Amino acid sequence: MAAVAYAHPSPAHQLGKQARGVRLCDTCGAVETPGLQRFRMCGGCMITQYCSPDCQKRHWPSHKAICQHTTSMMTASKQQDASAEESMAKALRKFCSGHQNLLSWAVFQALQLRRVPGNIRQYALHVELSYRNHPDASRRMTVSSTRLIPLSYIASRDPLVAQDIKRREERCRANGGIGAAVILIQCGELSQVMPAECDAPSRIPWDTREDWANILERYVEAGRTDFKPITTTSRGVIYG
């Protein structure tokens, strides 16, 4: 089981008129400003992001263990079947990086956190992917199935990942959130874990959607990375 990502719903009370679902710097918590500042990704795990080289350097001592753990597991998988596994590993990393907003929204809906916030401490969302050799690199993954699994299953399989999830959960709660909603993304023998740090449901204006699994499948199938949650207000429907 490999990497841990950081995807925060970035609620309206923090971002004002900015688009929700943007990224946060894993060191200082700065919010990425679409169109003005693009955060840099960690070159190892290709998931954790930073607002500046300085923040990346300062975070390295604490990020080093989980980052090297991810890299070593990906390298081991590549050695089993150099061509096929390498392509699949790259596609999985690209999938996790490109669909952070979609996945964090999907786990919020799947766990029904609007109605039952306590589910965040009991369950995780398991997304099973299939790999295909599509000419469009953004469409090489498709969603085979989605289901809820016990959160304890993930924690028991990899202590290092469990430790990183706990760190992010504690940080989120210290900032007024309810914790980290966990997504296990699996393709064949490869897997990655993404905790999506969630604010209090009362402060997240996203509409509740029962068709979240279909929406997830459609966006992934089309290779679209422009997903924005839907919010219905007295002024109409807002995307993002």
C-alpha atoms as a PDB file:
ATOM      1  CA  MET A   1       0.000   0.000   0.000  1.00  0.00           C
ATOM      2  CA  ALA A   2       1.535   3.286  -1.066  1.00  0.00           C
ATOM      3  CA  ALA A   3       1.354   7.057  -0.887  1.00  0.00           C
ATOM      4  CA  VAL A   4      -0.795   9.407   1.055  1.00  0.00           C
ATOM      5  CA  ALA A   5      -2.323  12.429  -0.630  1.00  0.00           C
ATOM      6  CA  TYR A   6      -3.681  15.660   0.787  1.00  0.00           C
ATOM      7  CA  ALA A   7      -6.938  16.909  -0.728  1.00  0.00           C
ATOM      8  CA  HIS A   8      -8.978  19.423   1.258  1.00  0.00           C
ATOM      9  CA  PRO A   9     -12.503  20.545   0.329  1.00  0.00           C
ATOM     10  CA  SER A  10     -11.554  24.175   1.028  1.00  0.00           C
ATOM     11  CA  PRO A  11     -14.972  25.418   2.197  1.00  0.00           C
ATOM     12  CA  ALA A  12     -16.564  28.721   1.334  1.00  0.00           C
ATOM     13  CA  HIS A  13     -15.909  30.366   4.690  1.00  0.00           C
ATOM     14  CA  GLN A  14     -12.170  30.094   3.986  1.00  0.00           C
ATOM     15  CA  LEU A  15     -12.054  30.901   0.291  1.00  0.00           C
ATOM     16  CA  GLY A  16     -14.815  33.431  -0.240  1.00  0.00           C
ATOM     17  CA  LYS A  17     -15.361  33.710  -3.990  1.00  0.00           C
ATOM     18  CA  GLN A  18     -12.485  31.399  -4.903  1.00  0.00           C
ATOM     19  CA  ALA A  19     -13.214  27.971  -6.326  1.00  0.00           C
ATOM     20  CA  ARG A  20     -13.679  25.264  -3.699  1.00  0.00           C
ATOM     21  CA  GLY A  21     -11.751  22.047  -3.977  1.00  0.00           C
ATOM     22  CA  VAL A  22      -8.361  23.696  -4.580  1.00  0.00           C
ATOM     23  CA  ARG A  23      -5.157  22.486  -2.967  1.00  0.00           C
ATOM     24  CA  LEU A  24      -3.450  23.447   0.261  1.00  0.00           C
ATOM     25  CA  CYS A  25       0.277  23.600   0.934  1.00  0.00           C
ATOM     26  CA  ASP A  26       1.113  20.654   3.194  1.00  0.00           C
ATOM     27  CA  THR A  27       3.574  22.778   5.174  1.00  0.00           C
ATOM     28  CA  CYS A  28       1.972  26.173   5.810  1.00  0.00           C
ATOM     29  CA  GLY A  29      -1.630  25.538   4.732  1.00  0.00           C
ATOM     30  CA  ALA A  30      -1.639  28.276   2.080  1.00  0.00           C
ATOM     31  CA  VAL A  31      -4.467  27.981  -0.454  1.00  0.00           C
ATOM     32  CA  GLU A  32      -3.638  27.549  -4.139  1.00  0.00           C
ATOM     33  CA  THR A  33      -5.057  30.431  -6.180  1.00  0.00           C
ATOM     34  CA  PRO A  34      -6.316  29.146  -9.551  1.00  0.00           C
ATOM     35  CA  GLY A  35      -4.830  31.089 -12.446  1.00  0.00           C
ATOM     36  CA  LEU A  36      -2.302  32.950 -10.259  1.00  0.00           C
ATOM     37  CA  GLN A  37      -0.252  30.383  -8.370  1.00  0.00           C
ATOM     38  CA  ARG A  38       0.214  26.708  -9.217  1.00  0.00           C
ATOM     39  CA  PHE A  39       1.560  24.569  -6.414  1.00  0.00           C
ATOM     40  CA  ARG A  40       4.522  22.270  -7.011  1.00  0.00           C
ATOM     41  CA  MET A  41       4.116  18.524  -6.540  1.00  0.00           C
ATOM     42  CA  CYS A  42       6.549  16.334  -4.622  1.00  0.00           C
ATOM     43  CA  GLY A  43       8.750  14.635  -7.236  1.00  0.00           C
ATOM     44  CA  GLY A  44       8.762  11.399  -5.231  1.00  0.00           C
ATOM     45  CA  CYS A  45       5.147  10.553  -4.401  1.00  0.00           C
ATOM     46  CA  MET A  46       3.753  13.015  -6.979  1.00  0.00           C
ATOM     47  CA  ILE A  47       0.797  13.766  -4.703  1.00  0.00           C
ATOM     48  CA  THR A  48       1.740  16.023  -1.786  1.00  0.00           C
ATOM     49  CA  GLN A  49       1.925  19.674  -2.862  1.00  0.00           C
ATOM     50  CA  TYR A  50       3.696  22.826  -1.716  1.00  0.00           C
ATOM     51  CA  CYS A  51       3.376  26.558  -2.335  1.00  0.00           C
ATOM     52  CA  SER A  52       7.134  27.120  -2.553  1.00  0.00           C
ATOM     53  CA  PRO A  53      10.527  25.362  -2.606  1.00  0.00           C
ATOM     54  CA  ASP A  54      11.113  26.632   0.936  1.00  0.00           C
ATOM     55  CA  CYS A  55       7.965  24.924   2.252  1.00  0.00           C
ATOM     56  CA  GLN A  56       8.948  21.724   0.448  1.00  0.00           C
ATOM     57  CA  LYS A  57      12.406  21.760   2.062  1.00  0.00           C
ATOM     58  CA  ARG A  58      10.999  22.442   5.528  1.00  0.00           C
ATOM     59  CA  HIS A  59       8.500  19.593   5.215  1.00  0.00           C
ATOM     60  CA  TRP A  60      10.997  17.034   3.917  1.00  0.00           C
ATOM     61  CA  PRO A  61      12.159  15.705   7.336  1.00  0.00           C
ATOM     62  CA  SER A  62       8.579  14.674   8.215  1.00  0.00           C
ATOM     63  CA  HIS A  63       7.547  13.742   4.662  1.00  0.00           C
ATOM     64  CA  LYS A  64      10.676  11.712   3.884  1.00  0.00           C
ATOM     65  CA  ALA A  65       9.515   8.406   5.388  1.00  0.00           C
ATOM     66  CA  ILE A  66       6.136   8.174   3.617  1.00  0.00           C
ATOM     67  CA  CYS A  67       7.583   9.533   0.370  1.00  0.00           C
ATOM     68  CA  GLN A  68      10.430   7.015   0.227  1.00  0.00           C
ATOM     69  CA  HIS A  69       8.017   4.277   1.269  1.00  0.00           C
ATOM     70  CA  THR A  70       5.805   5.102  -1.722  1.00  0.00           C
ATOM     71  CA  THR A  71       8.707   5.327  -4.144  1.00  0.00           C
ATOM     72  CA  SER A  72      10.198   2.004  -3.018  1.00  0.00           C
ATOM     73  CA  MET A  73       6.879   0.201  -3.384  1.00  0.00           C
ATOM     74  CA  MET A  74       6.366   1.581  -6.880  1.00  0.00           C
ATOM     75  CA  THR A  75       9.915   0.599  -7.827  1.00  0.00           C
ATOM     76  CA  ALA A  76       9.386  -2.943  -6.533  1.00  0.00           C
ATOM     77  CA  SER A  77       6.251  -3.303  -8.620  1.00  0.00           C
ATOM     78  CA  LYS A  78       8.046  -2.088 -11.729  1.00  0.00           C
ATOM     79  CA  GLN A  79      10.730  -4.758 -11.360  1.00  0.00           C
ATOM     80  CA  GLN A  80       8.117  -7.503 -11.567  1.00  0.00           C
ATOM     81  CA  ASP A  81       7.126  -6.578 -15.103  1.00  0.00           C
ATOM     82  CA  ALA A  82       9.111  -3.586 -16.308  1.00  0.00           C
ATOM     83  CA  SER A  83       6.935  -2.386 -19.180  1.00  0.00           C
ATOM     84  CA  ALA A  84       3.369  -3.138 -18.072  1.00  0.00           C
ATOM     85  CA  GLU A  85       3.804  -2.319 -14.388  1.00  0.00           C
ATOM     86  CA  GLU A  86       5.717   0.893 -15.077  1.00  0.00           C
ATOM     87  CA  SER A  87       2.957   2.175 -17.353  1.00  0.00           C
ATOM     88  CA  MET A  88       0.307   1.213 -14.818  1.00  0.00           C
ATOM     89  CA  ALA A  89       2.207   2.834 -11.936  1.00  0.00           C
ATOM     90  CA  LYS A  90       2.584   6.092 -13.865  1.00  0.00           C
ATOM     91  CA  ALA A  91      -1.097   6.034 -14.812  1.00  0.00           C
ATOM     92  CA  LEU A  92      -2.117   5.477 -11.183  1.00  0.00           C
ATOM     93  CA  ARG A  93      -0.020   8.385  -9.940  1.00  0.00           C
ATOM     94  CA  LYS A  94      -1.390  10.598 -12.694  1.00  0.00           C
ATOM     95  CA  PHE A  95      -4.930   9.523 -11.821  1.00  0.00           C
ATOM     96  CA  CYS A  96      -4.542  10.362  -8.115  1.00  0.00           C
ATOM     97  CA  SER A  97      -2.932  13.712  -8.847  1.00  0.00           C
ATOM     98  CA  GLY A  98      -5.415  14.773 -11.528  1.00  0.00           C
ATOM     99  CA  HIS A  99      -8.594  13.675  -9.747  1.00  0.00           C
ATOM    100  CA  GLN A 100      -7.987  14.925  -6.196  1.00  0.00           C
ATOM    101  CA  ASN A 101     -10.991  17.259  -6.238  1.00  0.00           C
ATOM    102  CA  LEU A 102     -13.296  14.591  -7.668  1.00  0.00           C
ATOM    103  CA  LEU A 103     -12.128  11.912  -5.224  1.00  0.00           C
ATOM    104  CA  SER A 104     -12.404  14.138  -2.142  1.00  0.00           C
ATOM    105  CA  TRP A 105     -15.958  15.045  -3.181  1.00  0.00           C
ATOM    106  CA  ALA A 106     -16.825  11.394  -3.884  1.00  0.00           C
ATOM    107  CA  VAL A 107     -15.680  10.167  -0.478  1.00  0.00           C
ATOM    108  CA  PHE A 108     -17.647  12.980   1.213  1.00  0.00           C
ATOM    109  CA  GLN A 109     -20.754  11.769  -0.601  1.00  0.00           C
ATOM    110  CA  ALA A 110     -20.060   8.034  -0.230  1.00  0.00           C
ATOM    111  CA  LEU A 111     -19.611   8.280   3.542  1.00  0.00           C
ATOM    112  CA  GLN A 112     -22.747  10.462   3.779  1.00  0.00           C
ATOM    113  CA  LEU A 113     -20.844  12.907   5.944  1.00  0.00           C
ATOM    114  CA  ARG A 114     -23.573  15.513   5.633  1.00  0.00           C
ATOM    115  CA  ARG A 115     -25.958  13.227   7.554  1.00  0.00           C
ATOM    116  CA  VAL A 116     -23.583  10.962   9.499  1.00  0.00           C
ATOM    117  CA  PRO A 117     -20.248  12.729  10.208  1.00  0.00           C
ATOM    118  CA  GLY A 118     -19.182   9.846  12.448  1.00  0.00           C
ATOM    119  CA  ASN A 119     -18.765   7.615   9.374  1.00  0.00           C
ATOM    120  CA  ILE A 120     -15.416   9.299   8.791  1.00  0.00           C
ATOM    121  CA  ARG A 121     -13.995   7.285  11.709  1.00  0.00           C
ATOM    122  CA  GLN A 122     -15.538   3.981  10.628  1.00  0.00           C
ATOM    123  CA  TYR A 123     -15.339   3.614   6.858  1.00  0.00           C
ATOM    124  CA  ALA A 124     -13.176   4.297   3.823  1.00  0.00           C
ATOM    125  CA  LEU A 125     -14.040   4.457   0.131  1.00  0.00           C
ATOM    126  CA  HIS A 126     -12.463   1.747  -2.013  1.00  0.00           C
ATOM    127  CA  VAL A 127     -12.172   2.687  -5.700  1.00  0.00           C
ATOM    128  CA  GLU A 128     -11.068  -0.176  -7.935  1.00  0.00           C
ATOM    129  CA  LEU A 129      -9.612   0.812 -11.294  1.00  0.00           C
ATOM    130  CA  SER A 130      -8.884  -0.990 -14.536  1.00  0.00           C
ATOM    131  CA  TYR A 131      -5.973  -0.057 -16.762  1.00  0.00           C
ATOM    132  CA  ARG A 132      -6.182   0.136 -20.546  1.00  0.00           C
ATOM    133  CA  ASN A 133      -3.590   1.122 -23.125  1.00  0.00           C
ATOM    134  CA  HIS A 134      -5.496   4.159 -24.384  1.00  0.00           C
ATOM    135  CA  PRO A 135      -3.692   6.652 -26.697  1.00  0.00           C
ATOM    136  CA  ASP A 136      -4.908   9.468 -24.437  1.00  0.00           C
ATOM    137  CA  ALA A 137      -2.837   9.216 -21.248  1.00  0.00           C
ATOM    138  CA  SER A 138      -5.597  10.870 -19.199  1.00  0.00           C
ATOM    139  CA  ARG A 139      -8.042   8.082 -20.122  1.00  0.00           C
ATOM    140  CA  ARG A 140      -5.991   4.994 -19.289  1.00  0.00           C
ATOM    141  CA  MET A 141      -7.836   4.371 -16.038  1.00  0.00           C
ATOM    142  CA  THR A 142     -11.492   3.420 -15.750  1.00  0.00           C
ATOM    143  CA  VAL A 143     -13.545   2.799 -12.604  1.00  0.00           C
ATOM    144  CA  SER A 144     -14.449  -0.889 -12.184  1.00  0.00           C
ATOM    145  CA  SER A 145     -16.211  -0.629  -8.837  1.00  0.00           C
ATOM    146  CA  THR A 146     -16.696   1.491  -5.721  1.00  0.00           C
ATOM    147  CA  ARG A 147     -17.597   0.291  -2.241  1.00  0.00           C
ATOM    148  CA  LEU A 148     -17.209   1.150   1.420  1.00  0.00           C
ATOM    149  CA  ILE A 149     -14.746  -0.828   3.514  1.00  0.00           C
ATOM    150  CA  PRO A 150     -13.835  -0.683   7.225  1.00  0.00           C
ATOM    151  CA  LEU A 151     -11.263   1.998   7.927  1.00  0.00           C
ATOM    152  CA  SER A 152      -9.472  -0.477  10.187  1.00  0.00           C
ATOM    153  CA  TYR A 153      -8.628  -2.581   7.112  1.00  0.00           C
ATOM    154  CA  ILE A 154      -6.330   0.139   5.773  1.00  0.00           C
ATOM    155  CA  ALA A 155      -4.765   0.952   9.141  1.00  0.00           C
ATOM    156  CA  SER A 156      -3.911  -2.695   9.784  1.00  0.00           C
ATOM    157  CA  ARG A 157      -2.195  -3.244   6.423  1.00  0.00           C
ATOM    158  CA  ASP A 158       0.428  -0.501   6.563  1.00  0.00           C
ATOM    159  CA  PRO A 159       1.471   1.128   9.877  1.00  0.00           C
ATOM    160  CA  LEU A 160       3.390   3.926   8.133  1.00  0.00           C
ATOM    161  CA  VAL A 161       0.374   4.964   6.076  1.00  0.00           C
ATOM    162  CA  ALA A 162      -1.842   4.681   9.164  1.00  0.00           C
ATOM    163  CA  GLN A 163       0.515   6.994  11.040  1.00  0.00           C
ATOM    164  CA  ASP A 164       0.375   9.607   8.292  1.00  0.00           C
ATOM    165  CA  ILE A 165      -3.438   9.400   8.162  1.00  0.00           C
ATOM    166  CA  LYS A 166      -3.564   9.978  11.913  1.00  0.00           C
ATOM    167  CA  ARG A 167      -1.273  13.022  11.625  1.00  0.00           C
ATOM    168  CA  ARG A 168      -3.504  14.601   8.985  1.00  0.00           C
ATOM    169  CA  GLU A 169      -6.635  13.738  10.937  1.00  0.00           C
ATOM    170  CA  GLU A 170      -5.306  15.414  14.077  1.00  0.00           C
ATOM    171  CA  ARG A 171      -4.251  18.494  12.115  1.00  0.00           C
ATOM    172  CA  CYS A 172      -7.681  18.744  10.516  1.00  0.00           C
ATOM    173  CA  ARG A 173      -9.514  18.475  13.839  1.00  0.00           C
ATOM    174  CA  ALA A 174      -7.208  21.055  15.401  1.00  0.00           C
ATOM    175  CA  ASN A 175      -8.324  23.435  12.643  1.00  0.00           C
ATOM    176  CA  GLY A 176     -12.017  22.797  13.285  1.00  0.00           C
ATOM    177  CA  GLY A 177     -12.592  19.963  10.804  1.00  0.00           C
ATOM    178  CA  ILE A 178     -13.981  16.487  11.437  1.00  0.00           C
ATOM    179  CA  GLY A 179     -10.970  14.480  10.267  1.00  0.00           C
ATOM    180  CA  ALA A 180      -9.602  12.734   7.206  1.00  0.00           C
ATOM    181  CA  ALA A 181     -11.952  10.824   4.904  1.00  0.00           C
ATOM    182  CA  VAL A 182      -9.870   8.008   3.428  1.00  0.00           C
ATOM    183  CA  ILE A 183      -9.921   6.711  -0.147  1.00  0.00           C
ATOM    184  CA  LEU A 184      -8.137   3.493  -1.123  1.00  0.00           C
ATOM    185  CA  ILE A 185      -7.441   3.538  -4.868  1.00  0.00           C
ATOM    186  CA  GLN A 186      -6.434   0.178  -6.318  1.00  0.00           C
ATOM    187  CA  CYS A 187      -5.417  -1.020  -9.758  1.00  0.00           C
ATOM    188  CA  GLY A 188      -4.304  -4.641  -9.887  1.00  0.00           C
ATOM    189  CA  GLU A 189      -1.572  -5.120  -7.297  1.00  0.00           C
ATOM    190  CA  LEU A 190      -0.904  -1.387  -7.036  1.00  0.00           C
ATOM    191  CA  SER A 191      -2.711   0.815  -4.540  1.00  0.00           C
ATOM    192  CA  GLN A 192      -2.565   4.294  -3.078  1.00  0.00           C
ATOM    193  CA  VAL A 193      -4.267   5.856  -0.084  1.00  0.00           C
ATOM    194  CA  MET A 194      -5.680   9.379  -0.148  1.00  0.00           C
ATOM    195  CA  PRO A 195      -6.962  11.040   3.041  1.00  0.00           C
ATOM    196  CA  ALA A 196      -9.187  14.021   2.182  1.00  0.00           C
ATOM    197  CA  GLU A 197      -9.231  16.372   5.146  1.00  0.00           C
ATOM    198  CA  CYS A 198     -12.840  17.483   5.711  1.00  0.00           C
ATOM    199  CA  ASP A 199     -14.201  20.627   7.267  1.00  0.00           C
ATOM    200  CA  ALA A 200     -17.368  20.475   9.366  1.00  0.00           C
ATOM    201  CA  PRO A 201     -20.229  19.374   7.056  1.00  0.00           C
ATOM    202  CA  SER A 202     -22.297  22.396   8.115  1.00  0.00           C
ATOM    203  CA  ARG A 203     -19.641  24.636   6.558  1.00  0.00           C
ATOM    204  CA  ILE A 204     -19.398  22.724   3.264  1.00  0.00           C
ATOM    205  CA  PRO A 205     -22.156  23.891   0.891  1.00  0.00           C
ATOM    206  CA  TRP A 206     -21.910  20.970  -1.546  1.00  0.00           C
ATOM    207  CA  ASP A 207     -25.217  19.409  -2.532  1.00  0.00           C
ATOM    208  CA  THR A 208     -25.823  15.844  -1.361  1.00  0.00           C
ATOM    209  CA  ARG A 209     -25.717  13.545  -4.391  1.00  0.00           C
ATOM    210  CA  GLU A 210     -26.800   9.910  -4.411  1.00  0.00           C
ATOM    211  CA  ASP A 211     -25.415   9.485  -7.935  1.00  0.00           C
ATOM    212  CA  TRP A 212     -21.819  10.235  -6.886  1.00  0.00           C
ATOM    213  CA  ALA A 213     -20.541   6.857  -8.168  1.00  0.00           C
ATOM    214  CA  ASN A 214     -21.939   7.478 -11.656  1.00  0.00           C
ATOM    215  CA  ILE A 215     -20.471  10.973 -11.723  1.00  0.00           C
ATOM    216  CA  LEU A 216     -17.087   9.604 -10.654  1.00  0.00           C
ATOM    217  CA  GLU A 217     -17.162   6.972 -13.403  1.00  0.00           C
ATOM    218  CA  ARG A 218     -18.169   9.475 -16.098  1.00  0.00           C
ATOM    219  CA  TYR A 219     -15.439  11.981 -15.297  1.00  0.00           C
ATOM    220  CA  VAL A 220     -12.771   9.285 -15.129  1.00  0.00           C
ATOM    221  CA  GLU A 221     -13.953   7.622 -18.339  1.00  0.00           C
ATOM    222  CA  ALA A 222     -13.787  10.963 -20.155  1.00  0.00           C
ATOM    223  CA  GLY A 223     -10.365  11.794 -18.703  1.00  0.00           C
ATOM    224  CA  ARG A 224     -11.743  15.054 -17.299  1.00  0.00           C
ATOM    225  CA  THR A 225      -9.888  16.711 -14.417  1.00  0.00           C
ATOM    226  CA  ASP A 226     -12.043  19.852 -14.256  1.00  0.00           C
ATOM    227  CA  PHE A 227     -14.589  18.572 -11.735  1.00  0.00           C
ATOM    228  CA  LYS A 228     -16.266  21.149  -9.499  1.00  0.00           C
ATOM    229  CA  PRO A 229     -18.819  20.308  -6.775  1.00  0.00           C
ATOM    230  CA  ILE A 230     -22.357  21.612  -7.241  1.00  0.00           C
ATOM    231  CA  THR A 231     -23.852  24.036  -4.737  1.00  0.00           C
ATOM    232  CA  THR A 232     -27.457  25.162  -4.928  1.00  0.00           C
ATOM    233  CA  THR A 233     -28.133  28.624  -3.507  1.00  0.00           C
ATOM    234  CA  SER A 234     -30.967  31.146  -3.551  1.00  0.00           C
ATOM    235  CA  ARG A 235     -29.158  32.746  -6.501  1.00  0.00           C
ATOM    236  CA  GLY A 236     -29.078  29.516  -8.480  1.00  0.00           C
ATOM    237  CA  VAL A 237     -26.598  26.695  -9.025  1.00  0.00           C
ATOM    238  CA  ILE A 238     -22.882  27.295  -8.472  1.00  0.00           C
ATOM    239  CA  TYR A 239     -20.201  24.931  -9.764  1.00  0.00           C
ATOM    240  CA  GLY A 240     -17.061  25.018  -7.638  1.00  0.00           C
END
